[in-house]
Amino acid sequence: MNNLGLPFDGSRAPMHNPSSTCLRYSLGLFAVTLSPTAWAEAEQGDKSQEASPKSEVLYSEPAAPFAFADFSWVPGNYGAIEKPLTFGPFVGELRVDVAYHYSYNHPKDDTISGSTEVFRHGEFQLTQLGIGGDFYWKGVQARLMTQFGLYSQTTPRNDASPARGQWNLANAFRYISEAWGGYHIDVLNGINIQAGIFLSYVGLWSYYQFDNWTYQPSYVSSNTPWFFEGVRIQLFTSDKLKIEPWLINGWQAYGRFNDALGLGLQILWRPTGWLSVLGNQYFGADTLGVPDRRRIHTDDSVMVKYYDNRSAIVSKAAASLTLDAGCEYGGGAAGQYVSCGDQYFLGFMAYNRLWFLEDHFAFTFGGGAIINPGRYLVLLPPINGATAISGTPYFTENPGDQFKAWDMQLTFDYMPQPFVTFRFEFNHRYANVPYWSGRGGITPPGGNQGDPGSLVPGFSPDLVKNENRLTAALLVKL
């Protein structure tokens, strides 16, 4: 089914962009399907008999958005056409992400910092085991995806909103990456009303590495929201345009940071099969305990497929460019006012990808950079167990704190089947202040001590300005 939450026939070109929310094959966003063949036959019963004029029609299939072309080349879209875990109105999904990362800094505690995808050095680790799928029945939609493995620990620790109030929101949602329900209205090219936890696609890349061109994305993707919790309305005005407003708890937040909800808008436009334009806009109050502080952010991407010849050695080529800008302004602690000139975010990332030999091999190169005075979108290193709630005096995130960084990725993929990717990647990352885990690590001798992130007498974390890293990963999606 497509991300409209509508069934569509298998003769259509595959489409996989979750942010497009356009197809049953799209990745993580939403929807579920009926098999047009099996369920039509079940409804008809014995073909030797005529259907009763009172037979209930379980579904009707409107035009699917973006179905006029194959957009599986777009970052975040990759996946197989075939869905082996389809059972009636349920399309199952199984994801496995196992990776080995090797940091040339050789941190003695095996802890890698500064990433939302990479966490341990010199070990094989399960980043995610995802089990779930999509449901669709008479216009009713639902999606569930789990996140067992490192994601169940690393993603919740980046959200400070559970510190406000009771019921331990981080634990409540720790093992869920997507969980939402919705309803499809067959108006225009389709309208979906959906509520729950859904992926954002701010920063273009998917939350799931299988779907992407690289394992480690640059900062404008890695440091921006992977999910939202709230309500969204997807308006497909034609087969080439989606308009999606959001009303959400906050910036990748299980709860509110203050007394206000966040507002957002995504617009996806695909006028031709070789061009995709995506824009995400956000407004909220996301500094914990500072209700008068406001955050605005714009995230905009252009993707172009500039070559396509499946019979040639180079079978396909595409490029992407993402530009981000934002700031925080308003009141602060002890009456300190922050302006957009003091605390802002500027960044970009650009990638080029070449596919070879009928798309069984691919090579991606690119990278990006950010400037973020105030460090409000810089990922906090987990020094002595520090979280977004605790903070740490070893790496402050206060107005005036400077942070500039850039990185590059070289990625090689082997895809013998559309259900599996063997990925090999080299990363170089640089920051203008000590930030990455060095040889001495970021864990006190004997393990974490005292409150998370607190000072430990005689201990100083080993932070450095450079990191070079190798990754080998096995990625599966069924």
Protein backbone atom coordinates (compact mmCIF):
# COMPACT_ATOMS: atom_id res chain seq x y z
CA MET A 1 0.00 0.00 0.00
CA ASN A 2 1.09 3.54 -0.47
CA ASN A 3 1.69 6.09 2.22
CA LEU A 4 -1.70 7.38 1.54
CA GLY A 5 -2.70 4.23 3.31
CA LEU A 6 -4.22 3.01 0.10
CA PRO A 7 -3.73 -0.20 -1.85
CA PHE A 8 -2.31 0.02 -5.33
CA ASP A 9 -1.65 -2.47 -8.05
CA GLY A 10 1.77 -4.05 -8.40
CA SER A 11 2.27 -2.86 -11.96
CA ARG A 12 3.14 0.59 -10.74
CA ALA A 13 6.71 1.77 -10.41
CA PRO A 14 8.08 1.21 -6.89
CA MET A 15 8.33 4.18 -4.58
CA HIS A 16 9.96 4.16 -1.24
CA ASN A 17 10.31 7.60 0.24
CA PRO A 18 8.74 7.67 3.66
CA SER A 19 8.83 11.41 3.67
CA SER A 20 6.81 11.34 0.48
CA THR A 21 4.24 9.20 2.18
CA CYS A 22 3.21 8.02 -1.15
CA LEU A 23 3.41 4.28 -1.43
CA ARG A 24 2.98 1.04 0.30
CA TYR A 25 6.65 0.47 -0.33
CA SER A 26 7.68 3.72 1.27
CA LEU A 27 9.82 3.26 4.26
CA GLY A 28 9.00 4.28 7.51
CA LEU A 29 6.16 6.59 7.44
CA PHE A 30 2.80 5.19 7.37
CA ALA A 31 0.22 3.02 5.84
CA VAL A 32 -0.98 -0.29 5.09
CA THR A 33 -2.38 -2.30 2.30
CA LEU A 34 -4.85 -4.69 0.96
CA SER A 35 -3.70 -7.05 -1.74
CA PRO A 36 -5.77 -6.05 -4.77
CA THR A 37 -5.79 -9.66 -6.02
CA ALA A 38 -6.30 -11.74 -2.91
CA TRP A 39 -8.83 -9.48 -1.24
CA ALA A 40 -10.79 -8.82 -4.41
CA GLU A 41 -11.07 -12.59 -4.91
CA ALA A 42 -12.04 -13.15 -1.29
CA GLU A 43 -14.73 -10.54 -1.59
CA GLN A 44 -16.09 -12.01 -4.80
CA GLY A 45 -16.20 -15.55 -3.40
CA ASP A 46 -16.84 -18.30 -5.94
CA LYS A 47 -16.09 -16.81 -9.37
CA SER A 48 -18.75 -19.01 -10.87
CA GLN A 49 -21.36 -16.94 -9.09
CA GLU A 50 -22.20 -13.31 -9.63
CA ALA A 51 -21.42 -10.95 -6.77
CA SER A 52 -24.42 -9.80 -4.86
CA PRO A 53 -25.31 -6.17 -5.61
CA LYS A 54 -25.23 -5.66 -1.83
CA SER A 55 -21.65 -6.97 -1.53
CA GLU A 56 -19.59 -4.59 0.58
CA VAL A 57 -16.65 -2.99 -1.21
CA LEU A 58 -13.71 -3.15 1.16
CA TYR A 59 -11.72 -0.50 -0.62
CA SER A 60 -11.47 1.51 -3.79
CA GLU A 61 -8.20 2.61 -5.23
CA PRO A 62 -7.75 6.30 -6.04
CA ALA A 63 -4.77 7.56 -7.93
CA ALA A 64 -1.63 7.14 -5.85
CA PRO A 65 0.55 10.25 -5.51
CA PHE A 66 3.98 10.20 -7.14
CA ALA A 67 3.15 6.88 -8.85
CA PHE A 68 3.93 8.29 -12.29
CA ALA A 69 7.66 7.45 -11.85
CA ASP A 70 10.12 5.36 -9.84
CA PHE A 71 11.56 7.46 -6.99
CA SER A 72 13.48 4.66 -5.29
CA TRP A 73 16.71 6.53 -6.14
CA VAL A 74 15.85 9.35 -3.69
CA PRO A 75 17.78 9.24 -0.37
CA GLY A 76 15.71 7.50 2.27
CA ASN A 77 13.70 5.54 -0.29
CA TYR A 78 15.50 2.29 -1.01
CA GLY A 79 13.58 -0.96 -0.62
CA ALA A 80 12.26 -3.97 -2.49
CA ILE A 81 9.07 -4.02 -4.54
CA GLU A 82 8.28 -7.51 -3.33
CA LYS A 83 6.72 -7.71 0.16
CA PRO A 84 7.17 -11.30 1.40
CA LEU A 85 5.51 -10.64 4.78
CA THR A 86 2.13 -9.60 3.37
CA PHE A 87 -0.90 -11.19 5.00
CA GLY A 88 -4.21 -9.72 3.90
CA PRO A 89 -4.55 -6.19 5.27
CA PHE A 90 -1.18 -6.41 7.04
CA VAL A 91 2.20 -5.80 5.36
CA GLY A 92 4.85 -6.97 7.76
CA GLU A 93 8.30 -5.44 8.03
CA LEU A 94 11.50 -6.77 9.60
CA ARG A 95 14.66 -4.68 9.92
CA VAL A 96 18.11 -5.71 11.13
CA ASP A 97 21.08 -3.33 11.41
CA VAL A 98 24.35 -4.86 12.64
CA ALA A 99 27.52 -2.79 12.38
CA TYR A 100 31.22 -2.84 13.26
CA HIS A 101 32.81 0.59 13.73
CA TYR A 102 36.52 1.24 14.09
CA SER A 103 37.66 4.65 15.33
CA TYR A 104 41.27 5.55 14.66
CA ASN A 105 41.19 7.45 17.96
CA HIS A 106 41.05 4.04 19.73
CA PRO A 107 39.00 5.18 22.76
CA LYS A 108 39.89 2.84 25.61
CA ASP A 109 36.26 2.72 26.82
CA ASP A 110 35.05 1.85 23.26
CA THR A 111 32.64 4.80 23.36
CA ILE A 112 32.10 6.87 20.22
CA SER A 113 30.40 10.24 20.69
CA GLY A 114 28.90 12.89 18.43
CA SER A 115 26.64 10.64 16.36
CA THR A 116 23.04 9.42 16.42
CA GLU A 117 23.98 6.32 14.37
CA VAL A 118 27.41 5.20 15.63
CA PHE A 119 28.10 4.43 19.31
CA ARG A 120 30.78 1.80 19.97
CA HIS A 121 34.36 1.19 18.77
CA GLY A 122 35.88 -2.16 17.84
CA GLU A 123 32.76 -4.21 18.51
CA PHE A 124 29.97 -5.84 16.56
CA GLN A 125 26.76 -4.19 17.74
CA LEU A 126 23.07 -4.50 16.94
CA THR A 127 21.99 -0.94 16.20
CA GLN A 128 18.37 -1.87 15.57
CA LEU A 129 16.08 -4.86 15.40
CA GLY A 130 12.81 -3.56 14.02
CA ILE A 131 9.66 -5.67 13.92
CA GLY A 132 6.31 -4.33 12.79
CA GLY A 133 4.48 -3.31 9.66
CA ASP A 134 1.55 -1.48 8.14
CA PHE A 135 -2.19 -2.09 8.41
CA TYR A 136 -5.00 -0.88 6.15
CA TRP A 137 -8.69 -1.73 6.34
CA LYS A 138 -11.60 0.30 4.95
CA GLY A 139 -9.61 3.53 5.18
CA VAL A 140 -8.27 2.85 8.67
CA GLN A 141 -4.45 2.96 8.87
CA ALA A 142 -1.85 2.00 11.43
CA ARG A 143 1.89 1.45 11.59
CA LEU A 144 4.21 -0.05 14.20
CA MET A 145 8.00 -0.41 14.21
CA THR A 146 10.16 -1.40 17.17
CA GLN A 147 13.74 -0.41 17.98
CA PHE A 148 15.45 -3.10 20.01
CA GLY A 149 19.22 -2.73 20.28
CA LEU A 150 21.35 0.36 20.76
CA TYR A 151 18.68 2.70 19.39
CA SER A 152 16.52 1.89 22.42
CA GLN A 153 19.16 3.54 24.62
CA THR A 154 20.76 6.18 22.42
CA THR A 155 17.68 7.86 20.95
CA PRO A 156 15.76 8.49 24.23
CA ARG A 157 18.88 9.94 25.93
CA ASN A 158 18.88 12.81 23.41
CA ASP A 159 15.41 14.00 24.53
CA ALA A 160 15.25 16.26 27.61
CA SER A 161 11.45 16.56 27.67
CA PRO A 162 10.88 13.53 30.01
CA ALA A 163 12.49 15.59 32.80
CA ARG A 164 9.27 17.64 32.93
CA GLY A 165 6.68 15.85 35.02
CA GLN A 166 6.10 12.20 35.79
CA TRP A 167 5.54 8.76 34.18
CA ASN A 168 9.03 8.30 32.70
CA LEU A 169 8.24 8.98 29.06
CA ALA A 170 11.67 7.85 27.88
CA ASN A 171 11.07 4.34 29.20
CA ALA A 172 7.48 4.30 27.96
CA PHE A 173 8.56 4.76 24.33
CA ARG A 174 12.10 3.39 24.44
CA TYR A 175 11.44 0.38 22.22
CA ILE A 176 9.21 2.11 19.65
CA SER A 177 10.46 4.05 16.65
CA GLU A 178 7.05 4.40 14.97
CA ALA A 179 3.53 3.86 16.31
CA TRP A 180 0.59 5.70 14.83
CA GLY A 181 -2.96 5.27 13.66
CA GLY A 182 -4.92 7.16 11.08
CA TYR A 183 -7.75 7.44 8.61
CA HIS A 184 -7.71 7.97 4.86
CA ILE A 185 -10.24 10.26 3.20
CA ASP A 186 -10.68 9.80 -0.55
CA VAL A 187 -10.70 13.49 -1.47
CA LEU A 188 -8.43 15.21 -4.00
CA ASN A 189 -5.57 12.71 -4.41
CA GLY A 190 -6.09 11.58 -0.83
CA ILE A 191 -6.03 13.01 2.68
CA ASN A 192 -4.55 11.17 5.67
CA ILE A 193 -5.15 12.16 9.28
CA GLN A 194 -2.61 10.39 11.51
CA ALA A 195 -1.59 10.60 15.18
CA GLY A 196 1.19 9.00 17.22
CA ILE A 197 4.95 8.70 16.79
CA PHE A 198 6.05 9.13 13.19
CA LEU A 199 9.34 9.75 11.38
CA SER A 200 10.17 13.32 10.44
CA TYR A 201 12.62 13.21 7.50
CA VAL A 202 13.97 16.56 8.60
CA GLY A 203 17.49 16.40 7.22
CA LEU A 204 16.35 14.17 4.31
CA TRP A 205 17.92 10.88 5.49
CA SER A 206 15.77 8.11 6.97
CA TYR A 207 16.14 7.06 10.62
CA TYR A 208 16.93 3.60 9.24
CA GLN A 209 20.35 3.11 7.65
CA PHE A 210 19.11 0.54 5.13
CA ASP A 211 17.12 3.24 3.37
CA ASN A 212 19.95 5.75 2.98
CA TRP A 213 22.95 6.45 0.78
CA THR A 214 25.35 6.46 3.76
CA TYR A 215 25.48 4.96 7.26
CA GLN A 216 26.64 8.19 8.93
CA PRO A 217 24.85 11.27 7.54
CA SER A 218 26.27 14.73 7.96
CA TYR A 219 25.24 17.02 10.81
CA VAL A 220 22.13 18.65 9.28
CA SER A 221 20.59 15.18 9.26
CA SER A 222 22.20 13.55 12.30
CA ASN A 223 21.56 16.57 14.57
CA THR A 224 17.95 17.27 13.55
CA PRO A 225 14.79 15.35 14.56
CA TRP A 226 14.35 11.72 13.57
CA PHE A 227 10.80 11.52 14.92
CA PHE A 228 7.87 13.58 16.12
CA GLU A 229 5.00 12.71 18.43
CA GLY A 230 1.73 14.38 17.63
CA VAL A 231 -0.74 14.76 14.76
CA ARG A 232 -0.15 15.30 11.05
CA ILE A 233 -2.46 15.77 8.10
CA GLN A 234 -1.19 14.69 4.70
CA LEU A 235 -2.88 16.53 1.85
CA PHE A 236 -2.12 15.12 -1.61
CA THR A 237 -3.42 17.81 -3.92
CA SER A 238 -2.22 15.97 -7.03
CA ASP A 239 0.01 13.05 -7.99
CA LYS A 240 2.99 15.44 -7.75
CA LEU A 241 2.46 17.47 -4.56
CA LYS A 242 2.05 16.69 -0.86
CA ILE A 243 1.35 19.29 1.86
CA GLU A 244 1.74 18.02 5.44
CA PRO A 245 1.18 20.22 8.53
CA TRP A 246 2.19 18.94 11.99
CA LEU A 247 1.05 19.69 15.54
CA ILE A 248 3.62 18.00 17.77
CA ASN A 249 5.01 17.88 21.30
CA GLY A 250 8.33 19.39 20.25
CA TRP A 251 11.67 18.92 18.56
CA GLN A 252 12.18 15.10 18.65
CA ALA A 253 10.36 15.01 21.96
CA TYR A 254 8.19 12.51 23.81
CA GLY A 255 6.70 15.37 25.84
CA ARG A 256 6.58 19.16 25.89
CA PHE A 257 9.62 21.15 26.96
CA ASN A 258 7.43 24.00 28.20
CA ASP A 259 3.77 25.01 27.92
CA ALA A 260 3.59 25.21 24.12
CA LEU A 261 3.32 22.61 21.37
CA GLY A 262 5.44 22.70 18.23
CA LEU A 263 4.19 23.53 14.76
CA GLY A 264 5.63 22.25 11.50
CA LEU A 265 5.02 21.91 7.80
CA GLN A 266 6.44 19.60 5.16
CA ILE A 267 5.99 20.15 1.43
CA LEU A 268 7.09 17.55 -1.11
CA TRP A 269 7.02 18.33 -4.84
CA ARG A 270 7.97 15.91 -7.59
CA PRO A 271 7.18 17.41 -10.97
CA THR A 272 9.16 14.80 -12.94
CA GLY A 273 10.77 11.42 -12.36
CA TRP A 274 14.25 12.94 -12.05
CA LEU A 275 13.55 15.77 -9.59
CA SER A 276 12.37 15.82 -5.98
CA VAL A 277 12.11 18.94 -3.81
CA LEU A 278 11.46 18.66 -0.06
CA GLY A 279 10.96 21.44 2.48
CA ASN A 280 10.47 21.19 6.26
CA GLN A 281 9.63 24.21 8.44
CA TYR A 282 9.40 24.27 12.26
CA PHE A 283 8.44 26.61 15.10
CA GLY A 284 8.48 25.68 18.78
CA ALA A 285 9.67 26.34 22.34
CA ASP A 286 12.26 23.62 22.93
CA THR A 287 14.61 24.80 25.67
CA LEU A 288 13.66 22.91 28.82
CA GLY A 289 12.45 25.22 31.57
CA VAL A 290 12.75 28.39 29.46
CA PRO A 291 9.18 29.00 28.19
CA ASP A 292 9.93 32.33 26.50
CA ARG A 293 12.70 30.88 24.31
CA ARG A 294 11.54 30.20 20.73
CA ARG A 295 13.10 28.02 18.03
CA ILE A 296 12.64 28.37 14.29
CA HIS A 297 14.19 26.09 11.69
CA THR A 298 14.05 25.51 7.96
CA ASP A 299 15.35 22.36 6.27
CA ASP A 300 15.24 22.19 2.46
CA SER A 301 16.51 19.59 0.01
CA VAL A 302 16.79 19.18 -3.75
CA MET A 303 17.46 15.77 -5.29
CA VAL A 304 18.28 15.20 -8.96
CA LYS A 305 18.69 11.96 -10.90
CA TYR A 306 20.92 13.03 -13.77
CA TYR A 307 21.67 9.67 -15.41
CA ASP A 308 19.73 6.41 -15.83
CA ASN A 309 20.78 3.52 -18.09
CA ARG A 310 20.28 0.16 -16.43
CA SER A 311 22.05 -1.73 -19.24
CA ALA A 312 25.29 0.26 -18.83
CA ILE A 313 28.11 -0.38 -16.35
CA VAL A 314 27.13 2.82 -14.55
CA SER A 315 23.41 2.19 -14.29
CA LYS A 316 22.28 5.31 -12.46
CA ALA A 317 23.57 8.56 -10.95
CA ALA A 318 21.96 11.07 -8.61
CA ALA A 319 22.86 13.96 -6.32
CA SER A 320 21.32 15.67 -3.30
CA LEU A 321 21.77 19.05 -1.62
CA THR A 322 20.31 19.95 1.79
CA LEU A 323 20.42 23.43 3.34
CA ASP A 324 19.43 24.18 6.95
CA ALA A 325 19.06 27.42 8.86
CA GLY A 326 17.52 28.30 12.18
CA CYS A 327 17.91 30.13 15.45
CA GLU A 328 16.65 30.56 18.99
CA TYR A 329 15.48 33.83 20.48
CA GLY A 330 13.79 35.10 23.61
CA GLY A 331 14.20 34.93 27.36
CA GLY A 332 16.71 32.77 29.13
CA ALA A 333 17.95 31.77 32.55
CA ALA A 334 18.31 34.64 35.04
CA GLY A 335 16.61 36.98 32.56
CA GLN A 336 19.28 36.47 29.90
CA TYR A 337 17.84 37.35 26.48
CA VAL A 338 19.07 35.40 23.46
CA SER A 339 18.84 36.76 19.93
CA CYS A 340 19.17 35.03 16.58
CA GLY A 341 22.50 36.75 16.20
CA ASP A 342 23.76 34.99 19.33
CA GLN A 343 22.30 31.51 18.94
CA TYR A 344 21.77 30.13 15.45
CA PHE A 345 22.27 27.11 13.22
CA LEU A 346 23.59 27.09 9.65
CA GLY A 347 24.50 23.95 7.79
CA PHE A 348 24.51 21.98 4.56
CA MET A 349 25.18 18.52 3.24
CA ALA A 350 25.71 17.37 -0.36
CA TYR A 351 26.08 13.86 -1.75
CA ASN A 352 26.58 12.17 -5.09
CA ARG A 353 25.73 8.50 -5.67
CA LEU A 354 26.61 6.21 -8.56
CA TRP A 355 24.98 2.81 -9.09
CA PHE A 356 26.71 0.05 -11.07
CA LEU A 357 25.83 -3.24 -12.78
CA GLU A 358 22.04 -3.10 -12.67
CA ASP A 359 22.09 -1.33 -9.30
CA HIS A 360 23.79 -4.19 -7.43
CA PHE A 361 26.70 -1.93 -6.44
CA ALA A 362 26.80 1.73 -5.44
CA PHE A 363 29.35 4.34 -4.43
CA THR A 364 28.46 7.50 -2.51
CA PHE A 365 30.66 10.43 -1.62
CA GLY A 366 29.86 13.71 0.09
CA GLY A 367 29.63 15.47 3.41
CA GLY A 368 28.68 18.73 5.02
CA ALA A 369 29.28 21.36 7.68
CA ILE A 370 27.50 23.28 10.46
CA ILE A 371 27.92 26.42 12.55
CA ASN A 372 25.96 26.35 15.81
CA PRO A 373 26.78 29.05 18.41
CA GLY A 374 25.09 28.10 21.66
CA ARG A 375 25.38 24.41 20.69
CA TYR A 376 21.63 23.89 21.06
CA LEU A 377 21.66 21.28 18.26
CA VAL A 378 25.07 19.79 19.04
CA LEU A 379 24.83 16.20 20.27
CA LEU A 380 26.02 16.08 23.88
CA PRO A 381 28.91 13.62 24.43
CA PRO A 382 27.86 10.97 27.01
CA ILE A 383 30.67 11.90 29.41
CA ASN A 384 30.16 10.08 32.73
CA GLY A 385 26.73 9.00 31.49
CA ALA A 386 25.57 12.52 30.53
CA THR A 387 22.18 12.87 28.82
CA ALA A 388 20.23 15.73 27.31
CA ILE A 389 18.52 16.07 30.69
CA SER A 390 21.64 16.14 32.85
CA GLY A 391 24.05 18.07 30.65
CA THR A 392 27.67 18.09 31.75
CA PRO A 393 30.21 20.73 32.82
CA TYR A 394 32.78 18.92 30.70
CA PHE A 395 31.02 20.09 27.51
CA THR A 396 28.68 23.02 28.06
CA GLU A 397 25.83 24.08 25.78
CA ASN A 398 25.26 27.67 26.83
CA PRO A 399 24.64 30.85 24.84
CA GLY A 400 27.98 31.99 23.44
CA ASP A 401 29.58 28.53 23.33
CA GLN A 402 31.05 28.13 19.86
CA PHE A 403 30.81 25.07 17.62
CA LYS A 404 31.85 24.62 13.99
CA ALA A 405 32.29 21.26 12.32
CA TRP A 406 32.57 19.55 8.96
CA ASP A 407 32.71 15.96 7.76
CA MET A 408 32.95 13.70 4.71
CA GLN A 409 31.80 10.17 3.90
CA LEU A 410 32.91 7.61 1.30
CA THR A 411 30.46 4.70 1.09
CA PHE A 412 30.47 1.49 -0.93
CA ASP A 413 27.36 -0.73 -1.04
CA TYR A 414 26.85 -4.24 -2.36
CA MET A 415 23.20 -5.22 -2.81
CA PRO A 416 22.92 -8.81 -4.08
CA GLN A 417 19.18 -8.69 -3.38
CA PRO A 418 16.92 -5.70 -2.71
CA PHE A 419 16.38 -7.05 0.82
CA VAL A 420 20.01 -6.82 1.98
CA THR A 421 22.91 -4.34 1.81
CA PHE A 422 26.55 -4.92 2.71
CA ARG A 423 27.94 -1.45 3.49
CA PHE A 424 31.53 -0.27 3.89
CA GLU A 425 32.22 3.35 4.81
CA PHE A 426 35.00 5.76 5.72
CA ASN A 427 34.21 8.90 7.74
CA HIS A 428 36.34 11.93 8.56
CA ARG A 429 34.90 14.40 11.06
CA TYR A 430 36.35 17.64 12.42
CA ALA A 431 35.23 20.17 15.06
CA ASN A 432 36.83 23.47 16.03
CA VAL A 433 36.67 22.50 19.73
CA PRO A 434 37.61 19.18 21.40
CA TYR A 435 34.52 17.02 20.87
CA TRP A 436 35.21 13.47 19.64
CA SER A 437 36.24 10.62 21.94
CA GLY A 438 40.04 10.37 22.16
CA ARG A 439 42.29 7.55 23.29
CA GLY A 440 41.59 8.17 26.99
CA GLY A 441 37.83 7.84 26.47
CA ILE A 442 35.01 9.65 28.20
CA THR A 443 34.23 7.21 31.03
CA PRO A 444 35.73 7.68 34.53
CA PRO A 445 37.99 4.87 35.83
CA GLY A 446 35.79 2.11 37.18
CA GLY A 447 32.71 3.31 35.30
CA ASN A 448 30.24 6.18 35.67
CA GLN A 449 30.21 7.85 39.07
CA GLY A 450 27.69 10.04 40.85
CA ASP A 451 24.89 11.75 38.99
CA PRO A 452 24.92 11.47 35.16
CA GLY A 453 27.33 13.97 33.64
CA SER A 454 28.60 15.24 36.98
CA LEU A 455 32.17 16.20 37.82
CA VAL A 456 34.39 13.38 39.03
CA PRO A 457 37.44 14.38 41.12
CA GLY A 458 40.67 13.68 39.27
CA PHE A 459 38.94 12.74 36.02
CA SER A 460 39.02 14.62 32.73
CA PRO A 461 37.51 13.20 29.53
CA ASP A 462 39.79 12.87 26.52
CA LEU A 463 38.10 14.93 23.79
CA VAL A 464 39.83 15.63 20.47
CA LYS A 465 39.09 17.70 17.39
CA ASN A 466 39.33 14.97 14.74
CA GLU A 467 37.86 11.55 14.17
CA ASN A 468 38.56 9.05 11.37
CA ARG A 469 36.35 5.99 11.34
CA LEU A 470 35.67 2.82 9.34
CA THR A 471 32.29 1.08 9.27
CA ALA A 472 31.18 -2.31 8.01
CA ALA A 473 27.46 -3.05 8.28
CA LEU A 474 24.94 -5.72 7.35
CA LEU A 475 21.53 -4.18 6.73
CA VAL A 476 18.36 -6.19 6.16
CA LYS A 477 14.81 -5.12 5.37
CA LEU A 478 12.05 -7.62 4.63
